[in-house]
Structure formats: structure tokens, C-alpha cells
Amino acid sequence: YLQMNSLVPEDTAVYYCKSYLGMAEYWGQGTLVTVSS
């Protein structure tokens, strides 16, 4: 999980999760976070 507090507009982005298993790396598909001012 990623608990995000005190969000600011600069935090607006697509957030991707990633994991490492041995030498392999895996990415999730991304989830959009939009912070309005």
C-alpha cells in the first residue's frame, strides 16, 4: 500500500507499483492520481 497524506498538486501523476523477484522486475498497470489546487 501507499498511504498518501497532505497531497499537493505536484503529486499529480500516474502511480505504478513494482516488485522485484530475484533478477526479475514486474510492473503494475498504473493508477492516476490527480490533486486539484
PDB file of all heavy atoms in Angstrom:
ATOM      1  N   TYR A   1       0.821  -1.194   0.000  1.00  0.00           N
ATOM      2  CA  TYR A   1       0.000   0.000   0.000  1.00  0.00           C
ATOM      3  C   TYR A   1       0.863   1.256   0.000  1.00  0.00           C
ATOM      4  O   TYR A   1       2.019   1.236   0.392  1.00  0.00           O
ATOM      5  CB  TYR A   1      -0.900   0.016   1.243  1.00  0.00           C
ATOM      6  CG  TYR A   1      -1.694  -1.244   1.440  1.00  0.00           C
ATOM      7  CD1 TYR A   1      -1.221  -2.275   2.247  1.00  0.00           C
ATOM      8  CD2 TYR A   1      -2.933  -1.422   0.812  1.00  0.00           C
ATOM      9  CE1 TYR A   1      -1.944  -3.437   2.423  1.00  0.00           C
ATOM     10  CE2 TYR A   1      -3.651  -2.583   0.986  1.00  0.00           C
ATOM     11  CZ  TYR A   1      -3.152  -3.582   1.789  1.00  0.00           C
ATOM     12  OH  TYR A   1      -3.880  -4.737   1.958  1.00  0.00           O
ATOM     13  N   LEU A   2       0.242   2.342  -0.407  1.00  0.00           N
ATOM     14  CA  LEU A   2       0.873   3.655  -0.302  1.00  0.00           C
ATOM     15  C   LEU A   2      -0.159   4.614   0.263  1.00  0.00           C
ATOM     16  O   LEU A   2      -1.118   4.971  -0.434  1.00  0.00           O
ATOM     17  CB  LEU A   2       1.368   4.151  -1.659  1.00  0.00           C
ATOM     18  CG  LEU A   2       2.151   5.464  -1.615  1.00  0.00           C
ATOM     19  CD1 LEU A   2       3.494   5.248  -0.898  1.00  0.00           C
ATOM     20  CD2 LEU A   2       2.377   6.016  -3.018  1.00  0.00           C
ATOM     21  N   GLN A   3       0.023   4.981   1.512  1.00  0.00           N
ATOM     22  CA  GLN A   3      -0.838   5.978   2.132  1.00  0.00           C
ATOM     23  C   GLN A   3      -0.259   7.349   1.830  1.00  0.00           C
ATOM     24  O   GLN A   3       0.879   7.642   2.198  1.00  0.00           O
ATOM     25  CB  GLN A   3      -0.912   5.759   3.646  1.00  0.00           C
ATOM     26  CG  GLN A   3      -1.738   6.806   4.370  1.00  0.00           C
ATOM     27  CD  GLN A   3      -3.207   6.747   4.019  1.00  0.00           C
ATOM     28  OE1 GLN A   3      -3.806   5.676   4.007  1.00  0.00           O
ATOM     29  NE2 GLN A   3      -3.796   7.893   3.715  1.00  0.00           N
ATOM     30  N   MET A   4      -1.051   8.174   1.181  1.00  0.00           N
ATOM     31  CA  MET A   4      -0.582   9.494   0.759  1.00  0.00           C
ATOM     32  C   MET A   4      -1.385  10.560   1.486  1.00  0.00           C
ATOM     33  O   MET A   4      -2.610  10.638   1.324  1.00  0.00           O
ATOM     34  CB  MET A   4      -0.747   9.646  -0.756  1.00  0.00           C
ATOM     35  CG  MET A   4      -0.062   8.562  -1.558  1.00  0.00           C
ATOM     36  SD  MET A   4      -0.143   8.823  -3.344  1.00  0.00           S
ATOM     37  CE  MET A   4      -1.906   8.644  -3.615  1.00  0.00           C
ATOM     38  N   ASN A   5      -0.717  11.345   2.291  1.00  0.00           N
ATOM     39  CA  ASN A   5      -1.345  12.423   3.045  1.00  0.00           C
ATOM     40  C   ASN A   5      -0.799  13.771   2.606  1.00  0.00           C
ATOM     41  O   ASN A   5       0.250  13.845   1.972  1.00  0.00           O
ATOM     42  CB  ASN A   5      -1.107  12.225   4.540  1.00  0.00           C
ATOM     43  CG  ASN A   5      -1.697  10.941   5.078  1.00  0.00           C
ATOM     44  OD1 ASN A   5      -2.718  10.461   4.571  1.00  0.00           O
ATOM     45  ND2 ASN A   5      -1.058  10.369   6.079  1.00  0.00           N
ATOM     46  N   SER A   6      -1.498  14.809   2.967  1.00  0.00           N
ATOM     47  CA  SER A   6      -1.064  16.182   2.647  1.00  0.00           C
ATOM     48  C   SER A   6      -0.696  16.319   1.178  1.00  0.00           C
ATOM     49  O   SER A   6       0.351  16.870   0.828  1.00  0.00           O
ATOM     50  CB  SER A   6       0.126  16.570   3.540  1.00  0.00           C
ATOM     51  OG  SER A   6      -0.204  16.478   4.913  1.00  0.00           O
ATOM     52  N   LEU A   7      -1.564  15.820   0.335  1.00  0.00           N
ATOM     53  CA  LEU A   7      -1.279  15.834  -1.097  1.00  0.00           C
ATOM     54  C   LEU A   7      -1.227  17.254  -1.644  1.00  0.00           C
ATOM     55  O   LEU A   7      -1.978  18.131  -1.192  1.00  0.00           O
ATOM     56  CB  LEU A   7      -2.331  15.016  -1.841  1.00  0.00           C
ATOM     57  CG  LEU A   7      -2.172  13.488  -1.693  1.00  0.00           C
ATOM     58  CD1 LEU A   7      -3.464  12.768  -2.040  1.00  0.00           C
ATOM     59  CD2 LEU A   7      -1.030  12.997  -2.575  1.00  0.00           C
ATOM     60  N   VAL A   8      -0.349  17.457  -2.597  1.00  0.00           N
ATOM     61  CA  VAL A   8      -0.187  18.741  -3.276  1.00  0.00           C
ATOM     62  C   VAL A   8      -0.323  18.501  -4.778  1.00  0.00           C
ATOM     63  O   VAL A   8      -0.162  17.368  -5.248  1.00  0.00           O
ATOM     64  CB  VAL A   8       1.179  19.373  -2.942  1.00  0.00           C
ATOM     65  CG1 VAL A   8       1.270  19.665  -1.447  1.00  0.00           C
ATOM     66  CG2 VAL A   8       2.331  18.468  -3.375  1.00  0.00           C
ATOM     67  N   PRO A   9      -0.635  19.567  -5.531  1.00  0.00           N
ATOM     68  CA  PRO A   9      -0.818  19.389  -6.974  1.00  0.00           C
ATOM     69  C   PRO A   9       0.391  18.727  -7.659  1.00  0.00           C
ATOM     70  O   PRO A   9       0.210  18.012  -8.661  1.00  0.00           O
ATOM     71  CB  PRO A   9      -1.039  20.810  -7.473  1.00  0.00           C
ATOM     72  CG  PRO A   9      -1.694  21.501  -6.321  1.00  0.00           C
ATOM     73  CD  PRO A   9      -1.023  20.924  -5.105  1.00  0.00           C
ATOM     74  N   GLU A  10       1.572  18.948  -7.118  1.00  0.00           N
ATOM     75  CA  GLU A  10       2.779  18.347  -7.706  1.00  0.00           C
ATOM     76  C   GLU A  10       2.820  16.825  -7.568  1.00  0.00           C
ATOM     77  O   GLU A  10       3.657  16.163  -8.180  1.00  0.00           O
ATOM     78  CB  GLU A  10       4.026  18.948  -7.071  1.00  0.00           C
ATOM     79  CG  GLU A  10       4.284  20.419  -7.436  1.00  0.00           C
ATOM     80  CD  GLU A  10       3.329  21.368  -6.744  1.00  0.00           C
ATOM     81  OE1 GLU A  10       2.784  21.015  -5.666  1.00  0.00           O
ATOM     82  OE2 GLU A  10       3.111  22.491  -7.264  1.00  0.00           O
ATOM     83  N   ASP A  11       1.926  16.276  -6.773  1.00  0.00           N
ATOM     84  CA  ASP A  11       1.830  14.820  -6.638  1.00  0.00           C
ATOM     85  C   ASP A  11       0.999  14.202  -7.764  1.00  0.00           C
ATOM     86  O   ASP A  11       0.920  12.971  -7.864  1.00  0.00           O
ATOM     87  CB  ASP A  11       1.206  14.442  -5.290  1.00  0.00           C
ATOM     88  CG  ASP A  11       2.083  14.826  -4.118  1.00  0.00           C
ATOM     89  OD1 ASP A  11       3.308  14.645  -4.201  1.00  0.00           O
ATOM     90  OD2 ASP A  11       1.518  15.296  -3.101  1.00  0.00           O
ATOM     91  N   THR A  12       0.402  15.027  -8.589  1.00  0.00           N
ATOM     92  CA  THR A  12      -0.387  14.520  -9.700  1.00  0.00           C
ATOM     93  C   THR A  12       0.491  13.726 -10.653  1.00  0.00           C
ATOM     94  O   THR A  12       1.509  14.218 -11.143  1.00  0.00           O
ATOM     95  CB  THR A  12      -1.049  15.685 -10.455  1.00  0.00           C
ATOM     96  OG1 THR A  12      -2.002  16.322  -9.591  1.00  0.00           O
ATOM     97  CG2 THR A  12      -1.752  15.196 -11.711  1.00  0.00           C
ATOM     98  N   ALA A  13       0.096  12.475 -10.894  1.00  0.00           N
ATOM     99  CA  ALA A  13       0.895  11.583 -11.726  1.00  0.00           C
ATOM    100  C   ALA A  13       0.167  10.252 -11.867  1.00  0.00           C
ATOM    101  O   ALA A  13      -0.812   9.994 -11.153  1.00  0.00           O
ATOM    102  CB  ALA A  13       2.273  11.346 -11.109  1.00  0.00           C
ATOM    103  N   VAL A  14       0.678   9.438 -12.759  1.00  0.00           N
ATOM    104  CA  VAL A  14       0.277   8.032 -12.788  1.00  0.00           C
ATOM    105  C   VAL A  14       1.224   7.287 -11.863  1.00  0.00           C
ATOM    106  O   VAL A  14       2.447   7.400 -11.992  1.00  0.00           O
ATOM    107  CB  VAL A  14       0.338   7.446 -14.213  1.00  0.00           C
ATOM    108  CG1 VAL A  14      -0.026   5.971 -14.182  1.00  0.00           C
ATOM    109  CG2 VAL A  14      -0.600   8.211 -15.141  1.00  0.00           C
ATOM    110  N   TYR A  15       0.651   6.567 -10.936  1.00  0.00           N
ATOM    111  CA  TYR A  15       1.426   5.821  -9.957  1.00  0.00           C
ATOM    112  C   TYR A  15       1.479   4.355 -10.362  1.00  0.00           C
ATOM    113  O   TYR A  15       0.436   3.733 -10.629  1.00  0.00           O
ATOM    114  CB  TYR A  15       0.807   5.977  -8.569  1.00  0.00           C
ATOM    115  CG  TYR A  15       1.093   7.325  -7.963  1.00  0.00           C
ATOM    116  CD1 TYR A  15       0.495   8.477  -8.471  1.00  0.00           C
ATOM    117  CD2 TYR A  15       1.973   7.469  -6.895  1.00  0.00           C
ATOM    118  CE1 TYR A  15       0.763   9.726  -7.930  1.00  0.00           C
ATOM    119  CE2 TYR A  15       2.249   8.709  -6.349  1.00  0.00           C
ATOM    120  CZ  TYR A  15       1.643   9.836  -6.874  1.00  0.00           C
ATOM    121  OH  TYR A  15       1.918  11.068  -6.335  1.00  0.00           O
ATOM    122  N   TYR A  16       2.683   3.821 -10.376  1.00  0.00           N
ATOM    123  CA  TYR A  16       2.907   2.439 -10.769  1.00  0.00           C
ATOM    124  C   TYR A  16       3.480   1.660  -9.596  1.00  0.00           C
ATOM    125  O   TYR A  16       4.400   2.144  -8.916  1.00  0.00           O
ATOM    126  CB  TYR A  16       3.901   2.359 -11.921  1.00  0.00           C
ATOM    127  CG  TYR A  16       3.466   3.041 -13.198  1.00  0.00           C
ATOM    128  CD1 TYR A  16       3.764   4.383 -13.419  1.00  0.00           C
ATOM    129  CD2 TYR A  16       2.765   2.346 -14.173  1.00  0.00           C
ATOM    130  CE1 TYR A  16       3.379   5.025 -14.584  1.00  0.00           C
ATOM    131  CE2 TYR A  16       2.368   2.973 -15.344  1.00  0.00           C
ATOM    132  CZ  TYR A  16       2.679   4.313 -15.538  1.00  0.00           C
ATOM    133  OH  TYR A  16       2.288   4.939 -16.693  1.00  0.00           O
ATOM    134  N   CYS A  17       2.987   0.459  -9.399  1.00  0.00           N
ATOM    135  CA  CYS A  17       3.625  -0.394  -8.424  1.00  0.00           C
ATOM    136  C   CYS A  17       4.616  -1.305  -9.144  1.00  0.00           C
ATOM    137  O   CYS A  17       4.488  -1.589 -10.336  1.00  0.00           O
ATOM    138  CB  CYS A  17       2.607  -1.201  -7.620  1.00  0.00           C
ATOM    139  SG  CYS A  17       1.478  -2.250  -8.548  1.00  0.00           S
ATOM    140  N   LYS A  18       5.598  -1.728  -8.380  1.00  0.00           N
ATOM    141  CA  LYS A  18       6.691  -2.518  -8.948  1.00  0.00           C
ATOM    142  C   LYS A  18       7.155  -3.504  -7.904  1.00  0.00           C
ATOM    143  O   LYS A  18       7.104  -3.222  -6.701  1.00  0.00           O
ATOM    144  CB  LYS A  18       7.854  -1.614  -9.350  1.00  0.00           C
ATOM    145  CG  LYS A  18       9.010  -2.333 -10.027  1.00  0.00           C
ATOM    146  CD  LYS A  18      10.094  -1.341 -10.428  1.00  0.00           C
ATOM    147  CE  LYS A  18      11.243  -2.035 -11.154  1.00  0.00           C
ATOM    148  NZ  LYS A  18      12.302  -1.082 -11.564  1.00  0.00           N
ATOM    149  N   SER A  19       7.617  -4.664  -8.360  1.00  0.00           N
ATOM    150  CA  SER A  19       8.170  -5.641  -7.440  1.00  0.00           C
ATOM    151  C   SER A  19       9.378  -6.301  -8.072  1.00  0.00           C
ATOM    152  O   SER A  19       9.537  -6.315  -9.295  1.00  0.00           O
ATOM    153  CB  SER A  19       7.120  -6.692  -7.063  1.00  0.00           C
ATOM    154  OG  SER A  19       6.765  -7.466  -8.185  1.00  0.00           O
ATOM    155  N   TYR A  20      10.232  -6.821  -7.198  1.00  0.00           N
ATOM    156  CA  TYR A  20      11.443  -7.490  -7.622  1.00  0.00           C
ATOM    157  C   TYR A  20      11.393  -8.929  -7.099  1.00  0.00           C
ATOM    158  O   TYR A  20      11.139  -9.163  -5.915  1.00  0.00           O
ATOM    159  CB  TYR A  20      12.674  -6.796  -7.055  1.00  0.00           C
ATOM    160  CG  TYR A  20      12.827  -5.366  -7.500  1.00  0.00           C
ATOM    161  CD1 TYR A  20      12.109  -4.341  -6.884  1.00  0.00           C
ATOM    162  CD2 TYR A  20      13.700  -5.028  -8.528  1.00  0.00           C
ATOM    163  CE1 TYR A  20      12.247  -3.026  -7.292  1.00  0.00           C
ATOM    164  CE2 TYR A  20      13.854  -3.708  -8.937  1.00  0.00           C
ATOM    165  CZ  TYR A  20      13.131  -2.716  -8.312  1.00  0.00           C
ATOM    166  OH  TYR A  20      13.264  -1.411  -8.712  1.00  0.00           O
ATOM    167  N   LEU A  21      11.661  -9.852  -8.002  1.00  0.00           N
ATOM    168  CA  LEU A  21      11.690 -11.269  -7.643  1.00  0.00           C
ATOM    169  C   LEU A  21      12.947 -11.846  -8.270  1.00  0.00           C
ATOM    170  O   LEU A  21      12.998 -12.094  -9.476  1.00  0.00           O
ATOM    171  CB  LEU A  21      10.433 -11.971  -8.168  1.00  0.00           C
ATOM    172  CG  LEU A  21      10.334 -13.470  -7.917  1.00  0.00           C
ATOM    173  CD1 LEU A  21      10.345 -13.741  -6.424  1.00  0.00           C
ATOM    174  CD2 LEU A  21       9.068 -14.036  -8.547  1.00  0.00           C
ATOM    175  N   GLY A  22      13.971 -12.028  -7.445  1.00  0.00           N
ATOM    176  CA  GLY A  22      15.259 -12.424  -7.987  1.00  0.00           C
ATOM    177  C   GLY A  22      15.775 -11.346  -8.928  1.00  0.00           C
ATOM    178  O   GLY A  22      15.856 -10.181  -8.564  1.00  0.00           O
ATOM    179  N   MET A  23      16.081 -11.716 -10.147  1.00  0.00           N
ATOM    180  CA  MET A  23      16.560 -10.763 -11.146  1.00  0.00           C
ATOM    181  C   MET A  23      15.411 -10.172 -11.958  1.00  0.00           C
ATOM    182  O   MET A  23      15.625  -9.296 -12.781  1.00  0.00           O
ATOM    183  CB  MET A  23      17.549 -11.442 -12.087  1.00  0.00           C
ATOM    184  CG  MET A  23      18.810 -11.948 -11.404  1.00  0.00           C
ATOM    185  SD  MET A  23      19.752 -10.616 -10.660  1.00  0.00           S
ATOM    186  CE  MET A  23      20.312  -9.765 -12.126  1.00  0.00           C
ATOM    187  N   ALA A  24      14.203 -10.640 -11.719  1.00  0.00           N
ATOM    188  CA  ALA A  24      13.057 -10.178 -12.500  1.00  0.00           C
ATOM    189  C   ALA A  24      12.389  -8.983 -11.842  1.00  0.00           C
ATOM    190  O   ALA A  24      12.385  -8.845 -10.617  1.00  0.00           O
ATOM    191  CB  ALA A  24      12.049 -11.310 -12.639  1.00  0.00           C
ATOM    192  N   GLU A  25      11.832  -8.117 -12.685  1.00  0.00           N
ATOM    193  CA  GLU A  25      11.090  -6.953 -12.220  1.00  0.00           C
ATOM    194  C   GLU A  25       9.697  -6.991 -12.836  1.00  0.00           C
ATOM    195  O   GLU A  25       9.544  -7.348 -13.996  1.00  0.00           O
ATOM    196  CB  GLU A  25      11.788  -5.654 -12.640  1.00  0.00           C
ATOM    197  CG  GLU A  25      13.196  -5.511 -12.119  1.00  0.00           C
ATOM    198  CD  GLU A  25      13.874  -4.242 -12.605  1.00  0.00           C
ATOM    199  OE1 GLU A  25      13.218  -3.469 -13.338  1.00  0.00           O
ATOM    200  OE2 GLU A  25      15.033  -4.009 -12.249  1.00  0.00           O
ATOM    201  N   TYR A  26       8.719  -6.595 -12.055  1.00  0.00           N
ATOM    202  CA  TYR A  26       7.344  -6.604 -12.524  1.00  0.00           C
ATOM    203  C   TYR A  26       6.712  -5.245 -12.260  1.00  0.00           C
ATOM    204  O   TYR A  26       6.926  -4.646 -11.201  1.00  0.00           O
ATOM    205  CB  TYR A  26       6.539  -7.692 -11.808  1.00  0.00           C
ATOM    206  CG  TYR A  26       7.104  -9.073 -12.021  1.00  0.00           C
ATOM    207  CD1 TYR A  26       8.013  -9.624 -11.116  1.00  0.00           C
ATOM    208  CD2 TYR A  26       6.744  -9.820 -13.132  1.00  0.00           C
ATOM    209  CE1 TYR A  26       8.536 -10.886 -11.314  1.00  0.00           C
ATOM    210  CE2 TYR A  26       7.271 -11.091 -13.336  1.00  0.00           C
ATOM    211  CZ  TYR A  26       8.168 -11.610 -12.423  1.00  0.00           C
ATOM    212  OH  TYR A  26       8.690 -12.857 -12.626  1.00  0.00           O
ATOM    213  N   TRP A  27       5.911  -4.783 -13.221  1.00  0.00           N
ATOM    214  CA  TRP A  27       5.227  -3.505 -13.096  1.00  0.00           C
ATOM    215  C   TRP A  27       3.715  -3.709 -13.138  1.00  0.00           C
ATOM    216  O   TRP A  27       3.216  -4.549 -13.903  1.00  0.00           O
ATOM    217  CB  TRP A  27       5.600  -2.578 -14.248  1.00  0.00           C
ATOM    218  CG  TRP A  27       6.988  -2.030 -14.191  1.00  0.00           C
ATOM    219  CD1 TRP A  27       8.098  -2.548 -14.786  1.00  0.00           C
ATOM    220  CD2 TRP A  27       7.420  -0.842 -13.515  1.00  0.00           C
ATOM    221  NE1 TRP A  27       9.193  -1.763 -14.526  1.00  0.00           N
ATOM    222  CE2 TRP A  27       8.802  -0.700 -13.739  1.00  0.00           C
ATOM    223  CE3 TRP A  27       6.771   0.119 -12.740  1.00  0.00           C
ATOM    224  CZ2 TRP A  27       9.545   0.359 -13.224  1.00  0.00           C
ATOM    225  CZ3 TRP A  27       7.508   1.182 -12.227  1.00  0.00           C
ATOM    226  CH2 TRP A  27       8.885   1.289 -12.471  1.00  0.00           C
ATOM    227  N   GLY A  28       3.008  -2.911 -12.354  1.00  0.00           N
ATOM    228  CA  GLY A  28       1.568  -2.851 -12.470  1.00  0.00           C
ATOM    229  C   GLY A  28       1.178  -1.902 -13.584  1.00  0.00           C
ATOM    230  O   GLY A  28       2.027  -1.233 -14.186  1.00  0.00           O
ATOM    231  N   GLN A  29      -0.112  -1.782 -13.828  1.00  0.00           N
ATOM    232  CA  GLN A  29      -0.582  -1.015 -14.975  1.00  0.00           C
ATOM    233  C   GLN A  29      -0.689   0.479 -14.710  1.00  0.00           C
ATOM    234  O   GLN A  29      -0.839   1.242 -15.646  1.00  0.00           O
ATOM    235  CB  GLN A  29      -1.961  -1.527 -15.432  1.00  0.00           C
ATOM    236  CG  GLN A  29      -3.151  -0.925 -14.704  1.00  0.00           C
ATOM    237  CD  GLN A  29      -3.309  -1.423 -13.272  1.00  0.00           C
ATOM    238  OE1 GLN A  29      -2.513  -2.201 -12.767  1.00  0.00           O
ATOM    239  NE2 GLN A  29      -4.354  -0.964 -12.614  1.00  0.00           N
ATOM    240  N   GLY A  30      -0.572   0.912 -13.486  1.00  0.00           N
ATOM    241  CA  GLY A  30      -0.646   2.331 -13.161  1.00  0.00           C
ATOM    242  C   GLY A  30      -2.035   2.763 -12.755  1.00  0.00           C
ATOM    243  O   GLY A  30      -3.043   2.263 -13.270  1.00  0.00           O
ATOM    244  N   THR A  31      -2.080   3.693 -11.832  1.00  0.00           N
ATOM    245  CA  THR A  31      -3.341   4.291 -11.402  1.00  0.00           C
ATOM    246  C   THR A  31      -3.135   5.803 -11.292  1.00  0.00           C
ATOM    247  O   THR A  31      -2.121   6.260 -10.771  1.00  0.00           O
ATOM    248  CB  THR A  31      -3.815   3.670 -10.071  1.00  0.00           C
ATOM    249  OG1 THR A  31      -5.094   4.192  -9.728  1.00  0.00           O
ATOM    250  CG2 THR A  31      -2.843   3.920  -8.931  1.00  0.00           C
ATOM    251  N   LEU A  32      -4.078   6.556 -11.836  1.00  0.00           N
ATOM    252  CA  LEU A  32      -3.922   8.009 -11.934  1.00  0.00           C
ATOM    253  C   LEU A  32      -4.349   8.693 -10.642  1.00  0.00           C
ATOM    254  O   LEU A  32      -5.451   8.456 -10.134  1.00  0.00           O
ATOM    255  CB  LEU A  32      -4.753   8.546 -13.102  1.00  0.00           C
ATOM    256  CG  LEU A  32      -4.753  10.060 -13.291  1.00  0.00           C
ATOM    257  CD1 LEU A  32      -3.352  10.576 -13.598  1.00  0.00           C
ATOM    258  CD2 LEU A  32      -5.730  10.438 -14.416  1.00  0.00           C
ATOM    259  N   VAL A  33      -3.483   9.545 -10.157  1.00  0.00           N
ATOM    260  CA  VAL A  33      -3.780  10.396  -9.006  1.00  0.00           C
ATOM    261  C   VAL A  33      -3.754  11.842  -9.481  1.00  0.00           C
ATOM    262  O   VAL A  33      -2.754  12.290 -10.049  1.00  0.00           O
ATOM    263  CB  VAL A  33      -2.763  10.191  -7.868  1.00  0.00           C
ATOM    264  CG1 VAL A  33      -2.986  11.214  -6.761  1.00  0.00           C
ATOM    265  CG2 VAL A  33      -2.859   8.774  -7.326  1.00  0.00           C
ATOM    266  N   THR A  34      -4.844  12.548  -9.255  1.00  0.00           N
ATOM    267  CA  THR A  34      -4.934  13.950  -9.640  1.00  0.00           C
ATOM    268  C   THR A  34      -5.248  14.770  -8.399  1.00  0.00           C
ATOM    269  O   THR A  34      -6.248  14.502  -7.716  1.00  0.00           O
ATOM    270  CB  THR A  34      -6.025  14.167 -10.694  1.00  0.00           C
ATOM    271  OG1 THR A  34      -5.767  13.341 -11.832  1.00  0.00           O
ATOM    272  CG2 THR A  34      -6.053  15.626 -11.136  1.00  0.00           C
ATOM    273  N   VAL A  35      -4.399  15.737  -8.126  1.00  0.00           N
ATOM    274  CA  VAL A  35      -4.580  16.598  -6.961  1.00  0.00           C
ATOM    275  C   VAL A  35      -4.923  17.998  -7.457  1.00  0.00           C
ATOM    276  O   VAL A  35      -4.128  18.626  -8.160  1.00  0.00           O
ATOM    277  CB  VAL A  35      -3.323  16.632  -6.081  1.00  0.00           C
ATOM    278  CG1 VAL A  35      -3.589  17.477  -4.831  1.00  0.00           C
ATOM    279  CG2 VAL A  35      -2.896  15.225  -5.703  1.00  0.00           C
ATOM    280  N   SER A  36      -6.089  18.469  -7.094  1.00  0.00           N
ATOM    281  CA  SER A  36      -6.522  19.799  -7.529  1.00  0.00           C
ATOM    282  C   SER A  36      -6.153  20.843  -6.489  1.00  0.00           C
ATOM    283  O   SER A  36      -6.139  20.574  -5.286  1.00  0.00           O
ATOM    284  CB  SER A  36      -8.026  19.801  -7.768  1.00  0.00           C
ATOM    285  OG  SER A  36      -8.714  19.534  -6.567  1.00  0.00           O
ATOM    286  N   SER A  37      -5.877  22.038  -6.972  1.00  0.00           N
ATOM    287  CA  SER A  37      -5.482  23.116  -6.056  1.00  0.00           C
ATOM    288  C   SER A  37      -6.692  23.891  -5.559  1.00  0.00           C
ATOM    289  O   SER A  37      -7.801  23.724  -6.026  1.00  0.00           O
ATOM    290  CB  SER A  37      -4.524  24.063  -6.762  1.00  0.00           C
ATOM    291  OG  SER A  37      -5.098  24.575  -7.938  1.00  0.00           O
TER     292      SER A  37
END
